[in-house]
Amino acid sequence: MTRHILFDCDGVLIDTEIVAAEVVTNWLNSEGVDIDIETFISDYTGKTFTDILEILKSKRLLTPNIETREAVVFMDEEIRRNMRPIAGVDQMLNKVPFTSSMVSNSAVDYVLEAIGLLKADHVFEKRVFSAEMVLKGKPDPAVYLLALEKLGLNKNEVIVVEDSVAGVTASVAAGLHTLAFLGGTHVREGHAEKLLALGALELIHNHQHLSEYLNGL
């Protein structure tokens, strides 16, 4: 029986995946990496910025001496300045029928800032689980397993709402019932099929649809 919802942040509640794609792609281009926004969305959405830079370094597409931490701080600040809620999220959160947590690859302070922007402190009550808290972020399942442990919940008591390949990979690997959210502006044709192939059990098209689904449980 469902008792708790684990929400991803970016691309599910905050519409920053497209902003992240623009910011990171522009920065990579300035460093000589030949990549466009559509390729970034397809290949890297949902991964931590640190992991993205390390992947590109390992492929020798990015200079090894680039200071990863400085680059990540710069990109994070740019994205924070452009945070905006996904359409309909406030109405959905006001009707969510279960206690909820955020499980994100983003930093804890960023997620808390997002919760404040959403005026959703009463929903999450600072229940935030971040890739900062584990050795590996999504697509590794560690952050989801940490959330289960800290919340004292069994896998069958939780539903996950994810939007990205990395996020769905992580939650399915953790053995969790996963909904694929398609309401972010970064979602492209074929994305739904990718998420279903990874093990997502339902497609959720927007926040009204999500509210109806959760309230029907």
Protein backbone atom coordinates (compact mmCIF):
# COMPACT_ATOMS: atom_id res chain seq x y z
CA MET A 1 0.00 0.00 0.00
CA THR A 2 1.31 3.43 -0.95
CA ARG A 3 2.33 5.61 1.99
CA HIS A 4 4.88 8.02 0.55
CA ILE A 5 5.84 9.79 -2.70
CA LEU A 6 9.45 10.34 -3.73
CA PHE A 7 9.63 13.25 -6.16
CA ASP A 8 12.57 14.12 -8.34
CA CYS A 9 13.09 17.89 -8.41
CA ASP A 10 14.35 19.17 -11.77
CA GLY A 11 12.07 18.26 -14.63
CA VAL A 12 9.28 17.07 -12.33
CA LEU A 13 8.57 20.03 -10.03
CA ILE A 14 10.97 22.71 -11.27
CA ASP A 15 11.23 23.28 -15.02
CA THR A 16 15.00 23.69 -15.09
CA GLU A 17 16.12 20.74 -17.21
CA ILE A 18 15.80 22.86 -20.36
CA VAL A 19 17.61 25.72 -18.61
CA ALA A 20 20.35 23.31 -17.52
CA ALA A 21 20.67 22.03 -21.08
CA GLU A 22 21.10 25.59 -22.38
CA VAL A 23 23.56 26.64 -19.66
CA VAL A 24 25.74 23.53 -19.79
CA THR A 25 25.72 23.32 -23.60
CA ASN A 26 26.80 26.97 -23.87
CA TRP A 27 29.60 26.40 -21.34
CA LEU A 28 30.79 23.24 -23.12
CA ASN A 29 30.77 25.03 -26.46
CA SER A 30 32.93 27.78 -24.94
CA GLU A 31 35.40 25.05 -23.92
CA GLY A 32 35.55 23.62 -27.43
CA VAL A 33 33.11 20.72 -27.01
CA ASP A 34 30.98 20.24 -30.13
CA ILE A 35 27.56 19.50 -28.63
CA ASP A 36 24.09 20.95 -29.18
CA ILE A 37 21.10 21.21 -26.85
CA GLU A 38 19.23 18.27 -28.39
CA THR A 39 22.24 15.97 -27.96
CA PHE A 40 22.72 17.15 -24.40
CA ILE A 41 19.06 16.49 -23.55
CA SER A 42 19.22 13.03 -25.13
CA ASP A 43 22.50 11.91 -23.57
CA TYR A 44 23.00 13.77 -20.31
CA THR A 45 19.75 15.06 -18.77
CA GLY A 46 19.36 13.80 -15.20
CA LYS A 47 23.05 13.21 -14.53
CA THR A 48 25.03 15.36 -12.10
CA PHE A 49 27.12 18.12 -13.66
CA THR A 50 30.21 16.55 -12.10
CA ASP A 51 29.47 13.21 -13.73
CA ILE A 52 28.81 14.88 -17.10
CA LEU A 53 32.16 16.67 -17.05
CA GLU A 54 34.02 13.54 -15.95
CA ILE A 55 32.35 11.52 -18.74
CA LEU A 56 33.41 14.11 -21.31
CA LYS A 57 36.94 14.15 -19.90
CA SER A 58 37.12 10.36 -20.13
CA LYS A 59 36.05 10.59 -23.78
CA ARG A 60 38.76 13.23 -24.32
CA LEU A 61 36.13 15.69 -25.48
CA LEU A 62 36.94 18.04 -22.60
CA THR A 63 40.40 19.11 -21.48
CA PRO A 64 41.45 17.06 -18.41
CA ASN A 65 42.81 20.14 -16.58
CA ILE A 66 39.39 21.84 -16.46
CA GLU A 67 38.57 22.53 -12.81
CA THR A 68 35.34 20.57 -12.40
CA ARG A 69 34.21 22.13 -9.14
CA GLU A 70 34.58 25.71 -10.39
CA ALA A 71 32.68 24.89 -13.57
CA VAL A 72 29.87 23.19 -11.64
CA VAL A 73 29.52 26.17 -9.28
CA PHE A 74 29.27 28.55 -12.25
CA MET A 75 26.61 26.45 -14.01
CA ASP A 76 24.64 25.92 -10.82
CA GLU A 77 24.48 29.67 -10.16
CA GLU A 78 23.27 30.34 -13.70
CA ILE A 79 20.50 27.77 -13.37
CA ARG A 80 19.37 28.99 -9.96
CA ARG A 81 18.78 32.44 -11.43
CA ASN A 82 16.32 30.90 -13.87
CA MET A 83 14.36 28.50 -11.63
CA ARG A 84 10.65 28.30 -12.43
CA PRO A 85 7.88 25.87 -11.42
CA ILE A 86 6.40 23.46 -13.94
CA ALA A 87 2.84 24.41 -14.90
CA GLY A 88 0.23 23.11 -12.47
CA VAL A 89 2.69 21.93 -9.82
CA ASP A 90 1.25 24.14 -7.06
CA GLN A 91 -2.25 22.72 -7.44
CA MET A 92 -0.88 19.17 -7.51
CA LEU A 93 1.20 19.65 -4.35
CA ASN A 94 -1.74 21.20 -2.51
CA LYS A 95 -3.73 18.01 -3.16
CA VAL A 96 -1.01 15.38 -2.80
CA PRO A 97 -2.57 12.66 -0.61
CA PHE A 98 0.65 11.23 0.92
CA THR A 99 3.69 12.48 2.79
CA SER A 100 6.45 13.27 0.33
CA SER A 101 10.20 13.68 -0.07
CA MET A 102 12.55 15.09 -2.70
CA VAL A 103 15.17 12.73 -4.15
CA SER A 104 17.50 14.67 -6.43
CA ASN A 105 20.92 14.76 -8.04
CA SER A 106 21.00 18.47 -7.18
CA ALA A 107 22.63 19.91 -4.06
CA VAL A 108 20.62 20.00 -0.83
CA ASP A 109 20.60 23.80 -0.61
CA TYR A 110 19.35 24.04 -4.20
CA VAL A 111 16.51 21.61 -3.49
CA LEU A 112 15.53 23.50 -0.33
CA GLU A 113 15.52 26.71 -2.39
CA ALA A 114 13.24 25.00 -4.91
CA ILE A 115 10.88 23.89 -2.14
CA GLY A 116 10.73 27.50 -0.96
CA LEU A 117 9.97 28.72 -4.47
CA LEU A 118 7.14 26.19 -4.66
CA LYS A 119 5.86 27.24 -1.20
CA ALA A 120 5.83 23.52 -0.41
CA ASP A 121 7.55 23.36 2.98
CA HIS A 122 4.37 21.83 4.43
CA VAL A 123 4.55 19.01 1.88
CA PHE A 124 8.22 18.04 2.20
CA GLU A 125 9.09 19.23 5.73
CA LYS A 126 12.80 19.29 4.75
CA ARG A 127 12.74 15.63 3.69
CA VAL A 128 15.47 15.96 1.05
CA PHE A 129 17.80 13.24 -0.24
CA SER A 130 20.59 14.41 -2.52
CA ALA A 131 23.40 12.86 -4.54
CA GLU A 132 25.65 14.80 -2.14
CA MET A 133 24.70 12.24 0.54
CA VAL A 134 25.90 9.15 -1.35
CA LEU A 135 28.98 8.02 -3.25
CA LYS A 136 27.27 8.02 -6.65
CA GLY A 137 24.28 9.98 -7.94
CA LYS A 138 21.60 8.76 -10.31
CA PRO A 139 21.61 6.54 -12.41
CA ASP A 140 23.05 4.68 -9.43
CA PRO A 141 20.20 3.69 -7.05
CA ALA A 142 22.10 4.71 -3.89
CA VAL A 143 20.15 7.92 -3.21
CA TYR A 144 16.82 6.06 -3.44
CA LEU A 145 18.04 3.29 -1.16
CA LEU A 146 19.19 5.95 1.31
CA ALA A 147 15.74 7.55 1.25
CA LEU A 148 14.05 4.23 2.01
CA GLU A 149 16.45 3.57 4.88
CA LYS A 150 16.08 7.02 6.47
CA LEU A 151 12.29 7.07 6.04
CA GLY A 152 11.91 3.55 7.40
CA LEU A 153 9.75 2.49 4.46
CA ASN A 154 9.48 -0.72 2.44
CA LYS A 155 9.73 -0.63 -1.34
CA ASN A 156 6.05 -1.44 -1.78
CA GLU A 157 5.07 1.61 0.30
CA VAL A 158 6.65 4.13 -2.08
CA ILE A 159 5.91 5.63 -5.50
CA VAL A 160 8.57 7.56 -7.42
CA VAL A 161 7.94 10.39 -9.90
CA GLU A 162 10.88 10.76 -12.33
CA ASP A 163 11.42 12.42 -15.69
CA SER A 164 14.88 11.41 -16.90
CA VAL A 165 16.68 8.32 -18.12
CA ALA A 166 19.13 8.60 -15.22
CA GLY A 167 16.33 9.03 -12.68
CA VAL A 168 14.15 6.17 -13.92
CA THR A 169 17.22 3.92 -14.16
CA ALA A 170 18.03 4.68 -10.52
CA SER A 171 14.53 4.21 -9.10
CA VAL A 172 13.86 1.01 -11.06
CA ALA A 173 17.24 -0.38 -9.94
CA ALA A 174 16.14 0.35 -6.36
CA GLY A 175 13.05 -1.79 -7.01
CA LEU A 176 10.56 1.08 -6.79
CA HIS A 177 7.23 1.67 -8.56
CA THR A 178 8.17 4.47 -10.94
CA LEU A 179 5.98 6.97 -12.78
CA ALA A 180 7.44 8.65 -15.88
CA PHE A 181 6.60 12.37 -15.81
CA LEU A 182 6.45 14.03 -19.24
CA GLY A 183 5.34 17.56 -18.32
CA GLY A 184 8.71 19.35 -18.50
CA THR A 185 9.65 21.50 -21.47
CA HIS A 186 12.76 19.38 -22.08
CA VAL A 187 10.75 16.26 -23.02
CA ARG A 188 11.22 15.32 -26.67
CA GLU A 189 9.63 12.82 -29.04
CA GLY A 190 10.55 9.25 -28.12
CA HIS A 191 11.32 10.09 -24.48
CA ALA A 192 8.25 8.29 -23.14
CA GLU A 193 9.25 5.10 -24.94
CA LYS A 194 12.76 5.29 -23.46
CA LEU A 195 11.40 5.58 -19.93
CA LEU A 196 8.95 2.72 -20.40
CA ALA A 197 11.75 0.54 -21.78
CA LEU A 198 13.77 1.27 -18.63
CA GLY A 199 10.94 0.00 -16.42
CA ALA A 200 8.68 2.98 -15.70
CA LEU A 201 5.18 1.60 -15.11
CA GLU A 202 2.97 4.58 -16.02
CA LEU A 203 3.22 7.67 -18.21
CA ILE A 204 2.13 10.91 -16.52
CA HIS A 205 1.59 13.74 -18.99
CA ASN A 206 1.20 16.76 -16.70
CA HIS A 207 0.50 17.73 -13.09
CA GLN A 208 -3.27 17.50 -13.43
CA HIS A 209 -2.83 13.92 -14.64
CA LEU A 210 -0.44 13.21 -11.75
CA SER A 211 -2.89 14.62 -9.21
CA GLU A 212 -5.69 12.45 -10.59
CA TYR A 213 -3.44 9.38 -10.53
CA LEU A 214 -2.27 9.88 -6.94
CA ASN A 215 -5.73 10.67 -5.64
CA GLY A 216 -7.03 7.53 -7.31
CA LEU A 217 -4.71 5.23 -5.36
